[in-house]
PDB file of N, CA and C in Angstrom:
ATOM      1  N   MET A   1       0.848  -0.701  60.731  1.00  0.00           N
ATOM      2  CA  MET A   1       1.831   0.277  60.347  1.00  0.00           C
ATOM      3  C   MET A   1       3.016  -0.434  59.696  1.00  0.00           C
ATOM      4  N   LEU A   2       3.494   0.108  58.611  1.00  0.00           N
ATOM      5  CA  LEU A   2       4.663  -0.443  57.934  1.00  0.00           C
ATOM      6  C   LEU A   2       5.931   0.162  58.533  1.00  0.00           C
ATOM      7  N   ILE A   3       6.926  -0.691  58.779  1.00  0.00           N
ATOM      8  CA  ILE A   3       8.193  -0.226  59.341  1.00  0.00           C
ATOM      9  C   ILE A   3       9.346  -0.691  58.452  1.00  0.00           C
ATOM     10  N   LYS A   4      10.345   0.174  58.298  1.00  0.00           N
ATOM     11  CA  LYS A   4      11.540  -0.199  57.545  1.00  0.00           C
ATOM     12  C   LYS A   4      12.426  -1.052  58.437  1.00  0.00           C
ATOM     13  N   VAL A   5      13.019  -2.080  57.838  1.00  0.00           N
ATOM     14  CA  VAL A   5      13.847  -3.010  58.605  1.00  0.00           C
ATOM     15  C   VAL A   5      15.177  -3.239  57.901  1.00  0.00           C
ATOM     16  N   ASN A   6      16.184  -3.590  58.692  1.00  0.00           N
ATOM     17  CA  ASN A   6      17.465  -4.016  58.143  1.00  0.00           C
ATOM     18  C   ASN A   6      17.369  -5.489  57.777  1.00  0.00           C
ATOM     19  N   CYS A   7      18.354  -5.986  57.079  1.00  0.00           N
ATOM     20  CA  CYS A   7      18.408  -7.386  56.674  1.00  0.00           C
ATOM     21  C   CYS A   7      18.365  -8.294  57.907  1.00  0.00           C
ATOM     22  N   ASN A   8      17.505  -9.312  57.869  1.00  0.00           N
ATOM     23  CA  ASN A   8      17.396 -10.260  58.987  1.00  0.00           C
ATOM     24  C   ASN A   8      18.627 -11.137  59.132  1.00  0.00           C
ATOM     25  N   LEU A   9      19.359 -11.336  58.056  1.00  0.00           N
ATOM     26  CA  LEU A   9      20.496 -12.253  58.088  1.00  0.00           C
ATOM     27  C   LEU A   9      21.778 -11.573  58.562  1.00  0.00           C
ATOM     28  N   CYS A  10      22.120 -10.427  57.970  1.00  0.00           N
ATOM     29  CA  CYS A  10      23.404  -9.795  58.297  1.00  0.00           C
ATOM     30  C   CYS A  10      23.263  -8.442  58.990  1.00  0.00           C
ATOM     31  N   GLY A  11      22.040  -7.894  59.054  1.00  0.00           N
ATOM     32  CA  GLY A  11      21.830  -6.601  59.695  1.00  0.00           C
ATOM     33  C   GLY A  11      22.120  -5.411  58.798  1.00  0.00           C
ATOM     34  N   GLY A  12      22.496  -5.671  57.560  1.00  0.00           N
ATOM     35  CA  GLY A  12      22.820  -4.588  56.634  1.00  0.00           C
ATOM     36  C   GLY A  12      21.603  -3.757  56.263  1.00  0.00           C
ATOM     37  N   ASN A  13      21.851  -2.512  55.857  1.00  0.00           N
ATOM     38  CA  ASN A  13      20.749  -1.651  55.421  1.00  0.00           C
ATOM     39  C   ASN A  13      20.987  -1.112  54.014  1.00  0.00           C
ATOM     40  N   ASN A  14      21.858  -1.768  53.271  1.00  0.00           N
ATOM     41  CA  ASN A  14      22.161  -1.401  51.898  1.00  0.00           C
ATOM     42  C   ASN A  14      21.553  -2.474  50.999  1.00  0.00           C
ATOM     43  N   PHE A  15      20.534  -2.096  50.218  1.00  0.00           N
ATOM     44  CA  PHE A  15      19.833  -3.090  49.416  1.00  0.00           C
ATOM     45  C   PHE A  15      19.451  -2.532  48.062  1.00  0.00           C
ATOM     46  N   LYS A  16      19.118  -3.445  47.152  1.00  0.00           N
ATOM     47  CA  LYS A  16      18.657  -3.099  45.815  1.00  0.00           C
ATOM     48  C   LYS A  16      17.180  -3.459  45.716  1.00  0.00           C
ATOM     49  N   VAL A  17      16.368  -2.538  45.215  1.00  0.00           N
ATOM     50  CA  VAL A  17      14.942  -2.799  45.026  1.00  0.00           C
ATOM     51  C   VAL A  17      14.762  -3.673  43.791  1.00  0.00           C
ATOM     52  N   LEU A  18      14.090  -4.813  43.971  1.00  0.00           N
ATOM     53  CA  LEU A  18      13.825  -5.719  42.859  1.00  0.00           C
ATOM     54  C   LEU A  18      12.485  -5.422  42.201  1.00  0.00           C
ATOM     55  N   ARG A  19      11.458  -5.128  43.030  1.00  0.00           N
ATOM     56  CA  ARG A  19      10.143  -4.774  42.490  1.00  0.00           C
ATOM     57  C   ARG A  19       9.245  -4.262  43.599  1.00  0.00           C
ATOM     58  N   SER A  20       8.240  -3.496  43.214  1.00  0.00           N
ATOM     59  CA  SER A  20       7.220  -3.034  44.151  1.00  0.00           C
ATOM     60  C   SER A  20       6.177  -4.126  44.296  1.00  0.00           C
ATOM     61  N   VAL A  21       5.642  -4.269  45.505  1.00  0.00           N
ATOM     62  CA  VAL A  21       4.635  -5.295  45.765  1.00  0.00           C
ATOM     63  C   VAL A  21       3.514  -4.711  46.608  1.00  0.00           C
ATOM     64  N   ASN A  22       2.330  -5.299  46.479  1.00  0.00           N
ATOM     65  CA  ASN A  22       1.181  -4.937  47.294  1.00  0.00           C
ATOM     66  C   ASN A  22       1.025  -6.038  48.328  1.00  0.00           C
ATOM     67  N   ILE A  23       1.251  -5.724  49.600  1.00  0.00           N
ATOM     68  CA  ILE A  23       1.205  -6.760  50.627  1.00  0.00           C
ATOM     69  C   ILE A  23      -0.180  -6.813  51.257  1.00  0.00           C
ATOM     70  N   SER A  24      -1.055  -7.533  50.614  1.00  0.00           N
ATOM     71  CA  SER A  24      -2.441  -7.715  51.042  1.00  0.00           C
ATOM     72  C   SER A  24      -2.488  -8.789  52.110  1.00  0.00           C
ATOM     73  N   PRO A  25      -3.556  -8.964  52.834  1.00  0.00           N
ATOM     74  CA  PRO A  25      -4.862  -8.338  52.723  1.00  0.00           C
ATOM     75  C   PRO A  25      -4.996  -7.045  53.514  1.00  0.00           C
ATOM     76  N   LEU A  26      -3.993  -6.651  54.262  1.00  0.00           N
ATOM     77  CA  LEU A  26      -4.106  -5.427  55.046  1.00  0.00           C
ATOM     78  C   LEU A  26      -3.872  -4.181  54.211  1.00  0.00           C
ATOM     79  N   GLY A  27      -3.448  -4.365  52.983  1.00  0.00           N
ATOM     80  CA  GLY A  27      -3.164  -3.235  52.115  1.00  0.00           C
ATOM     81  C   GLY A  27      -1.776  -2.690  52.379  1.00  0.00           C
ATOM     82  N   GLY A  28      -1.363  -1.785  51.574  1.00  0.00           N
ATOM     83  CA  GLY A  28      -0.056  -1.181  51.753  1.00  0.00           C
ATOM     84  C   GLY A  28       0.907  -1.594  50.664  1.00  0.00           C
ATOM     85  N   LYS A  29       1.732  -0.657  50.272  1.00  0.00           N
ATOM     86  CA  LYS A  29       2.741  -0.901  49.244  1.00  0.00           C
ATOM     87  C   LYS A  29       4.079  -1.141  49.924  1.00  0.00           C
ATOM     88  N   SER A  30       4.830  -2.049  49.369  1.00  0.00           N
ATOM     89  CA  SER A  30       6.141  -2.365  49.896  1.00  0.00           C
ATOM     90  C   SER A  30       7.042  -2.714  48.724  1.00  0.00           C
ATOM     91  N   GLU A  31       8.260  -3.142  49.017  1.00  0.00           N
ATOM     92  CA  GLU A  31       9.196  -3.509  47.964  1.00  0.00           C
ATOM     93  C   GLU A  31       9.877  -4.826  48.300  1.00  0.00           C
ATOM     94  N   LEU A  32      10.136  -5.591  47.275  1.00  0.00           N
ATOM     95  CA  LEU A  32      10.949  -6.784  47.391  1.00  0.00           C
ATOM     96  C   LEU A  32      12.378  -6.317  47.154  1.00  0.00           C
ATOM     97  N   VAL A  33      13.244  -6.505  48.149  1.00  0.00           N
ATOM     98  CA  VAL A  33      14.608  -5.991  48.060  1.00  0.00           C
ATOM     99  C   VAL A  33      15.620  -7.117  48.230  1.00  0.00           C
ATOM    100  N   LYS A  34      16.830  -6.882  47.727  1.00  0.00           N
ATOM    101  CA  LYS A  34      17.932  -7.834  47.873  1.00  0.00           C
ATOM    102  C   LYS A  34      19.069  -7.133  48.593  1.00  0.00           C
ATOM    103  N   CYS A  35      19.506  -7.708  49.708  1.00  0.00           N
ATOM    104  CA  CYS A  35      20.592  -7.141  50.494  1.00  0.00           C
ATOM    105  C   CYS A  35      21.883  -7.163  49.674  1.00  0.00           C
ATOM    106  N   ASN A  36      22.560  -6.019  49.595  1.00  0.00           N
ATOM    107  CA  ASN A  36      23.820  -5.936  48.855  1.00  0.00           C
ATOM    108  C   ASN A  36      24.983  -6.579  49.600  1.00  0.00           C
ATOM    109  N   GLU A  37      24.808  -6.857  50.881  1.00  0.00           N
ATOM    110  CA  GLU A  37      25.880  -7.458  51.679  1.00  0.00           C
ATOM    111  C   GLU A  37      25.877  -8.985  51.594  1.00  0.00           C
ATOM    112  N   CYS A  38      24.698  -9.602  51.785  1.00  0.00           N
ATOM    113  CA  CYS A  38      24.651 -11.071  51.858  1.00  0.00           C
ATOM    114  C   CYS A  38      23.762 -11.722  50.802  1.00  0.00           C
ATOM    115  N   GLY A  39      22.932 -10.930  50.099  1.00  0.00           N
ATOM    116  CA  GLY A  39      22.098 -11.474  49.037  1.00  0.00           C
ATOM    117  C   GLY A  39      20.710 -11.927  49.452  1.00  0.00           C
ATOM    118  N   LEU A  40      20.358 -11.797  50.739  1.00  0.00           N
ATOM    119  CA  LEU A  40      19.025 -12.198  51.189  1.00  0.00           C
ATOM    120  C   LEU A  40      17.965 -11.331  50.514  1.00  0.00           C
ATOM    121  N   VAL A  41      16.886 -11.955  50.056  1.00  0.00           N
ATOM    122  CA  VAL A  41      15.765 -11.237  49.457  1.00  0.00           C
ATOM    123  C   VAL A  41      14.641 -11.195  50.487  1.00  0.00           C
ATOM    124  N   TYR A  42      14.081  -9.997  50.720  1.00  0.00           N
ATOM    125  CA  TYR A  42      13.036  -9.837  51.729  1.00  0.00           C
ATOM    126  C   TYR A  42      12.140  -8.646  51.401  1.00  0.00           C
ATOM    127  N   ILE A  43      11.024  -8.538  52.115  1.00  0.00           N
ATOM    128  CA  ILE A  43      10.071  -7.445  51.945  1.00  0.00           C
ATOM    129  C   ILE A  43      10.467  -6.296  52.871  1.00  0.00           C
ATOM    130  N   ASN A  44      10.484  -5.080  52.325  1.00  0.00           N
ATOM    131  CA  ASN A  44      10.807  -3.902  53.118  1.00  0.00           C
ATOM    132  C   ASN A  44      10.081  -2.699  52.530  1.00  0.00           C
ATOM    133  N   PRO A  45       9.339  -1.913  53.296  1.00  0.00           N
ATOM    134  CA  PRO A  45       9.041  -2.129  54.706  1.00  0.00           C
ATOM    135  C   PRO A  45       8.028  -3.254  54.884  1.00  0.00           C
ATOM    136  N   ARG A  46       7.850  -3.653  56.125  1.00  0.00           N
ATOM    137  CA  ARG A  46       6.876  -4.698  56.435  1.00  0.00           C
ATOM    138  C   ARG A  46       6.057  -4.285  57.649  1.00  0.00           C
ATOM    139  N   TYR A  47       5.034  -5.097  57.956  1.00  0.00           N
ATOM    140  CA  TYR A  47       4.139  -4.752  59.055  1.00  0.00           C
ATOM    141  C   TYR A  47       4.811  -4.907  60.411  1.00  0.00           C
ATOM    142  N   ASP A  48       4.439  -4.026  61.334  1.00  0.00           N
ATOM    143  CA  ASP A  48       4.938  -4.146  62.701  1.00  0.00           C
ATOM    144  C   ASP A  48       4.207  -5.294  63.404  1.00  0.00           C
ATOM    145  N   GLU A  49       4.627  -5.607  64.605  1.00  0.00           N
ATOM    146  CA  GLU A  49       4.100  -6.759  65.343  1.00  0.00           C
ATOM    147  C   GLU A  49       2.595  -6.654  65.588  1.00  0.00           C
ATOM    148  N   GLU A  50       2.101  -5.467  65.885  1.00  0.00           N
ATOM    149  CA  GLU A  50       0.670  -5.291  66.152  1.00  0.00           C
ATOM    150  C   GLU A  50      -0.175  -5.613  64.918  1.00  0.00           C
ATOM    151  N   GLU A  51       0.261  -5.172  63.746  1.00  0.00           N
ATOM    152  CA  GLU A  51      -0.467  -5.470  62.510  1.00  0.00           C
ATOM    153  C   GLU A  51      -0.405  -6.961  62.187  1.00  0.00           C
ATOM    154  N   GLU A  52       0.734  -7.598  62.434  1.00  0.00           N
ATOM    155  CA  GLU A  52       0.839  -9.038  62.198  1.00  0.00           C
ATOM    156  C   GLU A  52      -0.130  -9.799  63.092  1.00  0.00           C
ATOM    157  N   LYS A  53      -0.258  -9.382  64.339  1.00  0.00           N
ATOM    158  CA  LYS A  53      -1.204 -10.034  65.251  1.00  0.00           C
ATOM    159  C   LYS A  53      -2.627  -9.881  64.740  1.00  0.00           C
ATOM    160  N   ARG A  54      -2.944  -8.718  64.208  1.00  0.00           N
ATOM    161  CA  ARG A  54      -4.283  -8.496  63.667  1.00  0.00           C
ATOM    162  C   ARG A  54      -4.539  -9.405  62.466  1.00  0.00           C
ATOM    163  N   PHE A  55      -3.552  -9.538  61.610  1.00  0.00           N
ATOM    164  CA  PHE A  55      -3.687 -10.386  60.428  1.00  0.00           C
ATOM    165  C   PHE A  55      -3.819 -11.855  60.819  1.00  0.00           C
ATOM    166  N   TYR A  56      -3.000 -12.292  61.759  1.00  0.00           N
ATOM    167  CA  TYR A  56      -3.008 -13.688  62.181  1.00  0.00           C
ATOM    168  C   TYR A  56      -3.861 -13.887  63.432  1.00  0.00           C
ATOM    169  N   ALA A  57      -5.033 -13.272  63.435  1.00  0.00           N
ATOM    170  CA  ALA A  57      -5.968 -13.434  64.550  1.00  0.00           C
ATOM    171  C   ALA A  57      -6.365 -14.902  64.671  1.00  0.00           C
ATOM    172  N   SER A  58      -6.899 -15.285  65.802  1.00  0.00           N
ATOM    173  CA  SER A  58      -7.223 -16.691  66.054  1.00  0.00           C
ATOM    174  C   SER A  58      -8.162 -17.269  64.996  1.00  0.00           C
ATOM    175  N   GLU A  59      -9.055 -16.467  64.426  1.00  0.00           N
ATOM    176  CA  GLU A  59      -9.982 -16.962  63.405  1.00  0.00           C
ATOM    177  C   GLU A  59      -9.239 -17.442  62.162  1.00  0.00           C
ATOM    178  N   TYR A  60      -8.074 -16.895  61.917  1.00  0.00           N
ATOM    179  CA  TYR A  60      -7.286 -17.275  60.744  1.00  0.00           C
ATOM    180  C   TYR A  60      -6.967 -18.764  60.764  1.00  0.00           C
ATOM    181  N   PHE A  61      -6.711 -19.307  61.950  1.00  0.00           N
ATOM    182  CA  PHE A  61      -6.298 -20.695  62.076  1.00  0.00           C
ATOM    183  C   PHE A  61      -7.453 -21.660  62.322  1.00  0.00           C
ATOM    184  N   GLU A  62      -8.621 -21.166  62.687  1.00  0.00           N
ATOM    185  CA  GLU A  62      -9.737 -22.037  63.038  1.00  0.00           C
ATOM    186  C   GLU A  62     -10.333 -22.770  61.845  1.00  0.00           C
ATOM    187  N   ASN A  63     -10.298 -22.185  60.668  1.00  0.00           N
ATOM    188  CA  ASN A  63     -10.940 -22.799  59.502  1.00  0.00           C
ATOM    189  C   ASN A  63      -9.943 -23.402  58.523  1.00  0.00           C
ATOM    190  N   GLY A  64      -8.706 -23.510  58.887  1.00  0.00           N
ATOM    191  CA  GLY A  64      -7.730 -23.939  57.912  1.00  0.00           C
ATOM    192  C   GLY A  64      -7.045 -25.173  58.220  1.00  0.00           C
TER     193      GLY A  64
END
């Protein structure tokens, strides 16, 4: 599940969309945004913790 998040650096929720992105391999559309308060660039929305665990399953690290 994709969740909207505030800026990790300053906690702000005022941002400018830089571009749309496809965050594979789980699929889903998101945006690359720039925080208007501190300038941090990040993905929003992003996957919740459960989806991240699924993506980074133990098999991910076994062959790399």
